[in-house]
Amino acid sequence: MDVCSTSSTCPEEGAPASYKQTEMGVFPKHWQIVDVGSLNPFVTSGSRGWARFYAETGAPFIRISNLTRQSIDLDLSSLKAVLLSPQGNAEASRTQLQDGDILISITADIGIVGIVDSRVSKPAYMNQHIALIRFDKTLVCARFVAYSLASERPQRLFVASMDIGAKAGMSLLTVRKIRLALPPFPEQRAIAEALSDVDKLLGSLEKLIAKKRAIKQATMQQLLTGKTRLPGFSGAWETRRLGSLGAFSKGRGITREDISDSGLPCVRYGELYTRYEDYVFNLTTRIPSAVASTALPIKTGDLLFAGSGETAEEIGRCAAYVGAEQAYAGGDIVVLTPVGQNSIYLGHLMNYRTVVIQKARMGQGDAVVHISASNLAQVKLSLPPVEEQRAIATVLSDMDAEIAVLERRRDKTRAIKQAMMQQLLTGRVRLIVPHQMTASA
């Protein structure tokens, strides 16, 4: 890939001689502003008739859930339904995917973009909620277009192109009308390669994070059950009821309207499902001191259980508060203050499957499931001495710290990618100078 030794940049206001002002913004002069349809693509959508072909084995069937806003590369990890290839079916021929096909969600969450490449098993198909765009590979770099459609600017274009009615969505006609800023083919390819390199790094980080999480789960299965003992520990574990470990209390107050940008830290029960896992040092939600005066104070080492939830399997989700600040618990949180135990160890144990199964059996209700302190008190545990609890907690915490480092690196790489897209897809930073494009064309 040819890269300029010095990047050519374009200021926010006013366009220098090598740039032009367009209805989409300021771009290099030799970039074209075009409709997707003017590039003579094949555009189609999936069929409604695939249900009769569902099977346990067969070719992948792509749905909106297989697209992600994090990457244009198809995510097939959540693929549930597969399709038994309908041999000789005209619809199968029309909607069978090829390398380089661009997919766009056109109903529900509109504008999620994916691209088909050699990693997708063939044949593969898609449903009616997805539009397909297929370009001549010698004229248009599909990966460049996919990155362009997935960037910030096209999200406004998708909204503007929506067919408003009883059920908002995009038709194939509106897909053809989507506007693109298109550089010459060599520059398209160079930009796509640069962004693909970052995506490959992100993909490798995601796989490494998933691997580390799987290793932690396997380690928990061994250490939390006593199947594997850490060096220096032996002897039988003690069977205890959760209620015998300390005293229960009930959170109170703290509504959504009470949340502020500053003040004292607090926990609301929904955050135990969405924000915190096993244990937490720093609480992100804040409330004024006047609200805190009516809420339940919590202290370092307290276990916080969600007292209500949507399903029995989720009920009683727990996080140990191990921060140093005085904090407060809102309503629908059951608090246990354990005595003589390691709270980080207990935080992991309370979310382990053997305990989750017990909590699920004790949940009450249908539309909303509840669990009380008296129910939680009956949960049966097999506990090692506190010294062994502490050693196990250290092992698991070290693994969490390693995962957190990788997650921060992934998030930083994502931010770098977003910045690169803003610069490269608008021509503010150039990878190939004009005379190089002429020579390579």
Protein backbone atom coordinates (compact mmCIF):
# COMPACT_ATOMS: atom_id res chain seq x y z
CA MET A 1 0.00 0.00 0.00
CA ASP A 2 1.38 3.40 -1.02
CA VAL A 3 1.34 5.87 1.85
CA CYS A 4 2.05 9.58 1.67
CA SER A 5 5.09 10.70 3.61
CA THR A 6 3.14 13.78 4.71
CA SER A 7 -0.62 13.66 5.10
CA SER A 8 -2.71 16.16 3.22
CA THR A 9 -5.35 17.62 5.49
CA CYS A 10 -8.46 19.72 4.99
CA PRO A 11 -9.56 22.40 7.50
CA GLU A 12 -13.05 22.52 8.99
CA GLU A 13 -13.91 25.89 7.43
CA GLY A 14 -13.14 26.76 3.84
CA ALA A 15 -11.71 24.43 1.22
CA PRO A 16 -8.17 24.76 -0.19
CA ALA A 17 -7.52 24.44 -3.91
CA SER A 18 -7.31 20.64 -3.85
CA TYR A 19 -10.70 20.27 -2.11
CA LYS A 20 -14.29 21.11 -2.96
CA GLN A 21 -17.43 21.93 -1.02
CA THR A 22 -20.26 19.44 -1.68
CA GLU A 23 -23.72 18.81 -0.27
CA MET A 24 -22.08 16.09 1.87
CA GLY A 25 -19.26 18.31 3.11
CA VAL A 26 -15.71 19.12 2.02
CA PHE A 27 -13.92 16.42 0.00
CA PRO A 28 -10.91 16.17 -2.34
CA LYS A 29 -11.69 17.53 -5.79
CA HIS A 30 -11.29 14.25 -7.61
CA TRP A 31 -13.66 12.38 -5.26
CA GLN A 32 -17.12 11.80 -6.69
CA ILE A 33 -20.41 12.33 -4.87
CA VAL A 34 -22.64 9.57 -6.24
CA ASP A 35 -25.82 7.62 -5.54
CA VAL A 36 -25.33 3.91 -4.85
CA GLY A 37 -27.61 3.20 -7.80
CA SER A 38 -25.41 5.17 -10.23
CA LEU A 39 -22.65 2.57 -9.71
CA ASN A 40 -24.84 -0.08 -11.41
CA PRO A 41 -24.93 -2.53 -8.49
CA PHE A 42 -27.11 -5.59 -8.13
CA VAL A 43 -29.53 -4.71 -5.31
CA THR A 44 -32.01 -7.13 -3.76
CA SER A 45 -33.42 -8.28 -0.43
CA GLY A 46 -34.10 -11.66 1.12
CA SER A 47 -37.28 -13.66 0.80
CA ARG A 48 -40.13 -14.22 3.23
CA GLY A 49 -40.42 -17.80 2.09
CA TRP A 50 -37.47 -19.42 3.86
CA ALA A 51 -39.33 -20.77 6.90
CA ARG A 52 -40.17 -24.05 5.19
CA PHE A 53 -36.47 -24.69 4.58
CA TYR A 54 -35.31 -24.35 8.22
CA ALA A 55 -33.32 -27.35 9.40
CA GLU A 56 -30.83 -28.38 12.05
CA THR A 57 -28.03 -28.55 9.49
CA GLY A 58 -27.35 -26.73 6.27
CA ALA A 59 -26.14 -23.36 5.03
CA PRO A 60 -25.99 -20.19 7.18
CA PHE A 61 -29.08 -18.01 7.19
CA ILE A 62 -28.14 -14.38 7.86
CA ARG A 63 -30.44 -12.22 9.97
CA ILE A 64 -30.16 -8.74 11.48
CA SER A 65 -28.91 -10.31 14.72
CA ASN A 66 -25.82 -11.47 12.81
CA LEU A 67 -24.89 -7.86 11.98
CA THR A 68 -23.10 -5.63 14.47
CA ARG A 69 -22.29 -1.93 14.68
CA GLN A 70 -18.86 -2.74 16.10
CA SER A 71 -17.51 -4.26 12.88
CA ILE A 72 -18.62 -4.64 9.28
CA ASP A 73 -17.44 -8.26 9.28
CA LEU A 74 -20.37 -10.62 9.80
CA ASP A 75 -20.83 -11.97 13.31
CA LEU A 76 -22.00 -15.57 12.95
CA SER A 77 -21.40 -16.50 16.60
CA SER A 78 -25.08 -15.94 17.43
CA LEU A 79 -26.36 -17.82 14.37
CA LYS A 80 -29.23 -19.99 15.65
CA ALA A 81 -31.22 -20.97 12.56
CA VAL A 82 -29.60 -22.65 9.60
CA LEU A 83 -31.03 -23.34 6.20
CA LEU A 84 -31.22 -26.58 4.30
CA SER A 85 -30.19 -25.39 0.84
CA PRO A 86 -33.23 -25.53 -1.48
CA GLN A 87 -31.60 -26.99 -4.59
CA GLY A 88 -32.83 -25.46 -7.85
CA ASN A 89 -35.00 -22.89 -6.08
CA ALA A 90 -35.14 -19.54 -7.93
CA GLU A 91 -35.28 -17.61 -4.65
CA ALA A 92 -32.14 -19.41 -3.46
CA SER A 93 -30.31 -18.34 -6.61
CA ARG A 94 -31.44 -14.73 -6.23
CA THR A 95 -30.54 -14.35 -2.57
CA GLN A 96 -27.44 -16.56 -2.30
CA LEU A 97 -24.56 -14.48 -0.95
CA GLN A 98 -21.19 -13.95 -2.62
CA ASP A 99 -17.85 -12.59 -1.43
CA GLY A 100 -17.95 -8.80 -1.36
CA ASP A 101 -21.72 -8.51 -0.93
CA ILE A 102 -22.72 -5.60 1.31
CA LEU A 103 -25.64 -6.23 3.67
CA ILE A 104 -27.74 -3.46 5.26
CA SER A 105 -30.56 -3.89 7.78
CA ILE A 106 -33.62 -2.14 6.34
CA THR A 107 -36.17 -2.75 9.12
CA ALA A 108 -36.06 -2.59 12.92
CA ASP A 109 -32.55 -1.28 13.77
CA ILE A 110 -31.96 0.37 10.40
CA GLY A 111 -28.53 0.92 8.90
CA ILE A 112 -26.40 -1.87 10.42
CA VAL A 113 -23.83 -2.80 7.77
CA GLY A 114 -22.02 -6.07 7.13
CA ILE A 115 -19.86 -7.48 4.35
CA VAL A 116 -19.59 -11.06 3.12
CA ASP A 117 -16.14 -12.58 2.77
CA SER A 118 -14.51 -15.99 2.54
CA ARG A 119 -15.12 -16.68 6.23
CA VAL A 120 -18.84 -17.16 5.54
CA SER A 121 -19.74 -20.72 4.62
CA LYS A 122 -21.23 -21.16 1.17
CA PRO A 123 -23.95 -21.18 0.14
CA ALA A 124 -25.43 -18.63 2.56
CA TYR A 125 -28.70 -16.73 2.41
CA MET A 126 -30.49 -13.78 4.06
CA ASN A 127 -34.00 -12.84 5.09
CA GLN A 128 -36.32 -10.03 3.97
CA HIS A 129 -35.12 -7.57 6.62
CA ILE A 130 -31.73 -7.20 4.90
CA ALA A 131 -30.82 -5.49 1.63
CA LEU A 132 -27.92 -6.74 -0.48
CA ILE A 133 -25.67 -4.53 -2.64
CA ARG A 134 -23.24 -6.21 -5.05
CA PHE A 135 -20.75 -4.11 -7.06
CA ASP A 136 -18.47 -4.87 -9.97
CA LYS A 137 -15.26 -5.69 -8.08
CA THR A 138 -13.08 -4.14 -10.77
CA LEU A 139 -14.77 -0.73 -10.42
CA VAL A 140 -15.78 -0.39 -6.77
CA CYS A 141 -14.07 -1.60 -3.60
CA ALA A 142 -16.99 -3.06 -1.66
CA ARG A 143 -15.14 -2.97 1.66
CA PHE A 144 -14.52 0.77 1.26
CA VAL A 145 -18.24 1.32 0.60
CA ALA A 146 -19.15 -0.84 3.61
CA TYR A 147 -16.89 1.23 5.87
CA SER A 148 -18.41 4.43 4.43
CA LEU A 149 -21.95 3.21 5.09
CA ALA A 150 -21.01 2.18 8.64
CA SER A 151 -19.45 5.56 9.51
CA GLU A 152 -21.17 8.43 11.30
CA ARG A 153 -22.33 10.42 8.26
CA PRO A 154 -24.45 7.67 6.63
CA GLN A 155 -26.47 7.21 9.82
CA ARG A 156 -28.00 10.60 9.07
CA LEU A 157 -28.46 9.51 5.46
CA PHE A 158 -30.25 6.33 6.51
CA VAL A 159 -32.67 8.31 8.66
CA ALA A 160 -33.27 10.77 5.82
CA SER A 161 -33.86 7.90 3.39
CA MET A 162 -36.35 6.01 5.53
CA ASP A 163 -39.83 5.37 4.20
CA ILE A 164 -42.03 6.74 6.96
CA GLY A 165 -45.30 4.95 7.55
CA ALA A 166 -46.99 2.50 9.87
CA LYS A 167 -43.70 0.61 9.99
CA ALA A 168 -40.62 2.67 9.22
CA GLY A 169 -37.99 1.12 7.03
CA MET A 170 -35.97 1.43 3.84
CA SER A 171 -37.00 0.12 0.42
CA LEU A 172 -34.55 -1.05 -2.23
CA LEU A 173 -35.27 2.18 -4.09
CA THR A 174 -34.12 4.26 -1.13
CA VAL A 175 -31.06 2.01 -0.74
CA ARG A 176 -30.12 2.92 -4.33
CA LYS A 177 -30.48 6.61 -3.47
CA ILE A 178 -27.95 6.55 -0.61
CA ARG A 179 -25.19 9.09 -1.33
CA LEU A 180 -21.51 8.22 -1.18
CA ALA A 181 -18.26 10.16 -1.34
CA LEU A 182 -16.16 7.94 -3.61
CA PRO A 183 -12.42 8.35 -4.25
CA PRO A 184 -10.65 6.70 -7.21
CA PHE A 185 -10.43 2.91 -6.98
CA PRO A 186 -6.77 2.69 -5.80
CA GLU A 187 -7.53 5.05 -2.92
CA GLN A 188 -10.70 3.13 -2.04
CA ARG A 189 -8.64 -0.02 -1.77
CA ALA A 190 -5.89 1.62 0.30
CA ILE A 191 -8.37 3.05 2.79
CA ALA A 192 -10.18 -0.29 3.06
CA GLU A 193 -6.90 -2.10 3.72
CA ALA A 194 -5.88 0.35 6.45
CA LEU A 195 -9.21 0.03 8.26
CA SER A 196 -9.22 -3.75 7.77
CA ASP A 197 -5.85 -3.96 9.52
CA VAL A 198 -7.39 -2.24 12.56
CA ASP A 199 -10.41 -4.55 12.40
CA LYS A 200 -8.09 -7.57 12.39
CA LEU A 201 -6.42 -6.24 15.54
CA LEU A 202 -9.84 -5.70 17.13
CA GLY A 203 -10.88 -9.21 16.12
CA SER A 204 -7.77 -10.75 17.66
CA LEU A 205 -8.35 -8.78 20.88
CA GLU A 206 -11.99 -9.91 21.04
CA LYS A 207 -10.91 -13.54 20.58
CA LEU A 208 -8.24 -13.19 23.26
CA ILE A 209 -10.73 -11.62 25.69
CA ALA A 210 -13.21 -14.42 24.99
CA LYS A 211 -10.46 -17.00 25.56
CA LYS A 212 -9.43 -15.39 28.87
CA ARG A 213 -13.06 -15.30 30.01
CA ALA A 214 -13.47 -18.97 29.13
CA ILE A 215 -10.31 -19.81 31.10
CA LYS A 216 -11.67 -17.89 34.08
CA GLN A 217 -14.97 -19.77 33.90
CA ALA A 218 -13.11 -23.08 33.84
CA THR A 219 -10.96 -21.95 36.77
CA MET A 220 -14.05 -20.96 38.76
CA GLN A 221 -15.60 -24.35 38.08
CA GLN A 222 -12.56 -26.00 39.65
CA LEU A 223 -11.82 -23.61 42.53
CA LEU A 224 -15.34 -22.68 43.68
CA THR A 225 -16.34 -26.35 43.95
CA GLY A 226 -13.15 -27.63 45.54
CA LYS A 227 -12.42 -29.97 42.63
CA THR A 228 -9.00 -28.33 42.44
CA ARG A 229 -7.27 -26.99 45.56
CA LEU A 230 -4.63 -24.31 45.56
CA PRO A 231 -1.19 -25.28 46.91
CA GLY A 232 -1.08 -25.38 50.70
CA PHE A 233 -4.80 -26.00 51.28
CA SER A 234 -6.49 -29.25 52.26
CA GLY A 235 -9.24 -30.51 54.51
CA ALA A 236 -13.03 -30.60 54.23
CA TRP A 237 -15.18 -27.58 53.42
CA GLU A 238 -18.04 -26.49 55.64
CA THR A 239 -21.70 -26.54 54.54
CA ARG A 240 -23.51 -23.32 55.54
CA ARG A 241 -26.74 -21.48 54.82
CA LEU A 242 -26.28 -18.01 53.37
CA GLY A 243 -28.33 -16.52 56.21
CA SER A 244 -25.81 -17.80 58.75
CA LEU A 245 -23.00 -15.69 57.29
CA GLY A 246 -24.34 -12.33 58.46
CA ALA A 247 -27.30 -9.96 58.64
CA PHE A 248 -29.68 -8.96 55.82
CA SER A 249 -31.13 -5.49 55.19
CA LYS A 250 -33.23 -3.91 52.45
CA GLY A 251 -32.32 -1.00 50.18
CA ARG A 252 -34.70 1.94 49.90
CA GLY A 253 -35.39 5.10 47.96
CA ILE A 254 -33.27 6.38 45.03
CA THR A 255 -35.41 6.85 41.94
CA ARG A 256 -34.21 7.60 38.44
CA GLU A 257 -35.03 11.26 39.03
CA ASP A 258 -32.70 11.31 42.05
CA ILE A 259 -29.58 10.58 39.98
CA SER A 260 -27.19 13.53 39.58
CA ASP A 261 -23.79 14.28 38.07
CA SER A 262 -22.16 14.65 41.46
CA GLY A 263 -22.71 13.65 45.06
CA LEU A 264 -22.43 10.35 46.87
CA PRO A 265 -22.08 6.90 45.21
CA CYS A 266 -25.05 4.58 45.06
CA VAL A 267 -26.28 1.36 43.48
CA ARG A 268 -29.66 0.82 41.82
CA TYR A 269 -30.86 -2.75 41.36
CA GLY A 270 -30.85 -2.59 37.54
CA GLU A 271 -27.12 -1.84 37.58
CA LEU A 272 -26.47 -5.27 39.09
CA TYR A 273 -27.67 -6.71 35.77
CA THR A 274 -26.15 -4.20 33.37
CA ARG A 275 -23.07 -2.61 34.92
CA TYR A 276 -21.45 -4.64 37.68
CA GLU A 277 -20.14 -8.22 37.79
CA ASP A 278 -19.26 -10.22 40.93
CA TYR A 279 -17.59 -7.29 42.74
CA VAL A 280 -17.16 -3.55 42.29
CA PHE A 281 -14.66 -1.03 43.63
CA ASN A 282 -15.98 2.18 42.06
CA LEU A 283 -19.67 3.01 41.75
CA THR A 284 -20.50 5.32 38.86
CA THR A 285 -23.99 6.53 39.85
CA ARG A 286 -24.31 9.53 42.19
CA ILE A 287 -27.06 11.04 44.35
CA PRO A 288 -27.33 14.30 46.36
CA SER A 289 -26.70 14.08 50.10
CA ALA A 290 -30.37 14.84 50.79
CA VAL A 291 -31.39 11.67 48.90
CA ALA A 292 -28.61 9.67 50.56
CA SER A 293 -29.97 10.61 53.98
CA THR A 294 -33.10 8.52 53.29
CA ALA A 295 -31.35 5.61 51.49
CA LEU A 296 -29.70 2.54 53.01
CA PRO A 297 -25.97 2.99 53.74
CA ILE A 298 -23.72 0.17 52.58
CA LYS A 299 -20.13 -0.46 53.50
CA THR A 300 -17.09 -2.28 52.20
CA GLY A 301 -17.71 -6.02 52.01
CA ASP A 302 -21.50 -5.91 51.68
CA LEU A 303 -23.12 -8.26 49.15
CA LEU A 304 -25.79 -6.60 47.00
CA PHE A 305 -28.52 -8.80 45.49
CA ALA A 306 -31.07 -7.69 42.86
CA GLY A 307 -34.42 -8.31 44.54
CA SER A 308 -36.42 -8.35 41.30
CA GLY A 309 -35.80 -9.23 37.67
CA GLU A 310 -37.37 -10.41 34.45
CA THR A 311 -36.56 -14.13 34.73
CA ALA A 312 -35.99 -16.67 37.48
CA GLU A 313 -32.56 -17.48 36.04
CA GLU A 314 -31.45 -13.86 36.56
CA ILE A 315 -33.00 -13.24 39.95
CA GLY A 316 -30.70 -12.34 42.81
CA ARG A 317 -27.81 -11.21 40.62
CA CYS A 318 -25.07 -10.25 43.06
CA ALA A 319 -22.11 -7.90 43.32
CA ALA A 320 -19.88 -7.42 46.35
CA TYR A 321 -19.18 -3.78 47.15
CA VAL A 322 -15.47 -3.54 48.01
CA GLY A 323 -14.93 0.18 47.49
CA ALA A 324 -13.69 2.58 50.14
CA GLU A 325 -16.35 5.32 49.76
CA GLN A 326 -19.49 5.46 51.84
CA ALA A 327 -22.22 4.34 49.44
CA TYR A 328 -25.97 3.72 49.38
CA ALA A 329 -28.37 1.07 48.07
CA GLY A 330 -31.66 1.83 46.36
CA GLY A 331 -34.92 -0.06 46.50
CA ASP A 332 -35.24 -3.67 45.30
CA ILE A 333 -31.72 -4.42 46.55
CA VAL A 334 -31.22 -7.01 49.28
CA VAL A 335 -28.01 -6.40 51.25
CA LEU A 336 -26.06 -9.03 53.18
CA THR A 337 -23.30 -7.93 55.55
CA PRO A 338 -21.15 -11.05 55.95
CA VAL A 339 -18.93 -11.68 58.96
CA GLY A 340 -15.62 -13.55 58.81
CA GLN A 341 -15.78 -14.19 55.04
CA ASN A 342 -14.01 -12.88 51.93
CA SER A 343 -16.52 -10.78 50.01
CA ILE A 344 -14.82 -11.01 46.61
CA TYR A 345 -14.91 -14.79 46.90
CA LEU A 346 -18.58 -14.66 47.89
CA GLY A 347 -19.36 -12.28 45.02
CA HIS A 348 -18.08 -14.86 42.54
CA LEU A 349 -19.81 -17.74 44.36
CA MET A 350 -23.22 -15.99 44.44
CA ASN A 351 -23.25 -15.85 40.63
CA TYR A 352 -21.93 -19.39 40.12
CA ARG A 353 -24.36 -21.85 38.55
CA THR A 354 -24.93 -24.03 41.65
CA VAL A 355 -26.13 -20.96 43.57
CA VAL A 356 -27.96 -19.49 40.56
CA ILE A 357 -30.04 -22.68 40.32
CA GLN A 358 -31.04 -22.40 43.97
CA LYS A 359 -32.01 -18.72 43.62
CA ALA A 360 -34.07 -19.49 40.51
CA ARG A 361 -36.10 -22.07 42.44
CA MET A 362 -36.86 -19.51 45.14
CA GLY A 363 -37.94 -16.72 42.78
CA GLN A 364 -41.62 -15.76 42.93
CA GLY A 365 -43.78 -14.14 40.27
CA ASP A 366 -44.28 -14.36 36.51
CA ALA A 367 -44.07 -11.01 34.66
CA VAL A 368 -41.64 -9.77 37.33
CA VAL A 369 -39.73 -12.24 39.49
CA HIS A 370 -38.89 -11.37 43.10
CA ILE A 371 -36.65 -12.90 45.74
CA SER A 372 -36.64 -11.96 49.42
CA ALA A 373 -33.99 -11.95 52.13
CA SER A 374 -35.71 -14.92 53.77
CA ASN A 375 -35.45 -16.89 50.53
CA LEU A 376 -31.81 -15.95 49.99
CA ALA A 377 -31.03 -16.95 53.57
CA GLN A 378 -31.90 -20.57 52.68
CA VAL A 379 -29.28 -20.86 49.91
CA LYS A 380 -26.90 -23.71 50.79
CA LEU A 381 -23.16 -23.16 50.31
CA SER A 382 -20.01 -25.24 50.57
CA LEU A 383 -17.37 -22.89 51.98
CA PRO A 384 -13.62 -23.23 52.48
CA PRO A 385 -11.87 -21.46 55.37
CA VAL A 386 -11.47 -17.72 54.88
CA GLU A 387 -7.73 -18.07 54.13
CA GLU A 388 -8.54 -20.33 51.17
CA GLN A 389 -11.39 -18.01 50.14
CA ARG A 390 -8.90 -15.16 50.08
CA ALA A 391 -6.41 -17.13 47.97
CA ILE A 392 -9.10 -18.13 45.45
CA ALA A 393 -10.34 -14.54 45.29
CA THR A 394 -6.80 -13.36 44.51
CA VAL A 395 -6.47 -15.82 41.62
CA LEU A 396 -9.81 -14.76 40.13
CA SER A 397 -9.12 -11.05 40.69
CA ASP A 398 -5.77 -11.35 38.90
CA MET A 399 -7.57 -12.94 35.96
CA ASP A 400 -10.13 -10.11 35.98
CA ALA A 401 -7.33 -7.55 35.97
CA GLU A 402 -5.76 -9.21 32.92
CA ILE A 403 -9.10 -9.16 31.10
CA ALA A 404 -9.65 -5.51 32.06
CA VAL A 405 -6.29 -4.54 30.52
CA LEU A 406 -7.27 -6.26 27.27
CA GLU A 407 -10.69 -4.60 27.30
CA ARG A 408 -9.12 -1.15 27.74
CA ARG A 409 -6.78 -1.88 24.86
CA ARG A 410 -9.74 -2.99 22.72
CA ASP A 411 -11.71 0.15 23.59
CA LYS A 412 -8.73 2.37 22.80
CA THR A 413 -8.28 0.58 19.46
CA ARG A 414 -11.96 1.14 18.67
CA ALA A 415 -11.54 4.85 19.38
CA ILE A 416 -8.50 4.96 17.09
CA LYS A 417 -10.48 3.23 14.36
CA GLN A 418 -13.32 5.76 14.68
CA ALA A 419 -10.83 8.61 14.37
CA MET A 420 -9.24 6.95 11.32
CA MET A 421 -12.66 6.57 9.67
CA GLN A 422 -13.46 10.24 10.24
CA GLN A 423 -10.21 11.27 8.62
CA LEU A 424 -9.81 8.71 5.82
CA LEU A 425 -13.42 8.48 4.64
CA THR A 426 -13.63 12.25 4.20
CA GLY A 427 -10.24 12.66 2.52
CA ARG A 428 -8.90 14.85 5.32
CA VAL A 429 -5.98 12.45 5.60
CA ARG A 430 -4.72 10.87 2.37
CA LEU A 431 -2.99 7.51 1.97
CA ILE A 432 -2.19 7.88 -1.74
CA VAL A 433 -1.23 11.12 -3.47
CA PRO A 434 -2.95 11.93 -6.81
CA HIS A 435 0.06 11.14 -9.08
CA GLN A 436 0.44 7.71 -7.46
CA MET A 437 -3.20 6.95 -8.22
CA THR A 438 -2.67 7.96 -11.84
CA ALA A 439 0.36 5.69 -12.09
CA SER A 440 -1.41 2.70 -10.52
CA ALA A 441 -4.74 3.13 -12.31
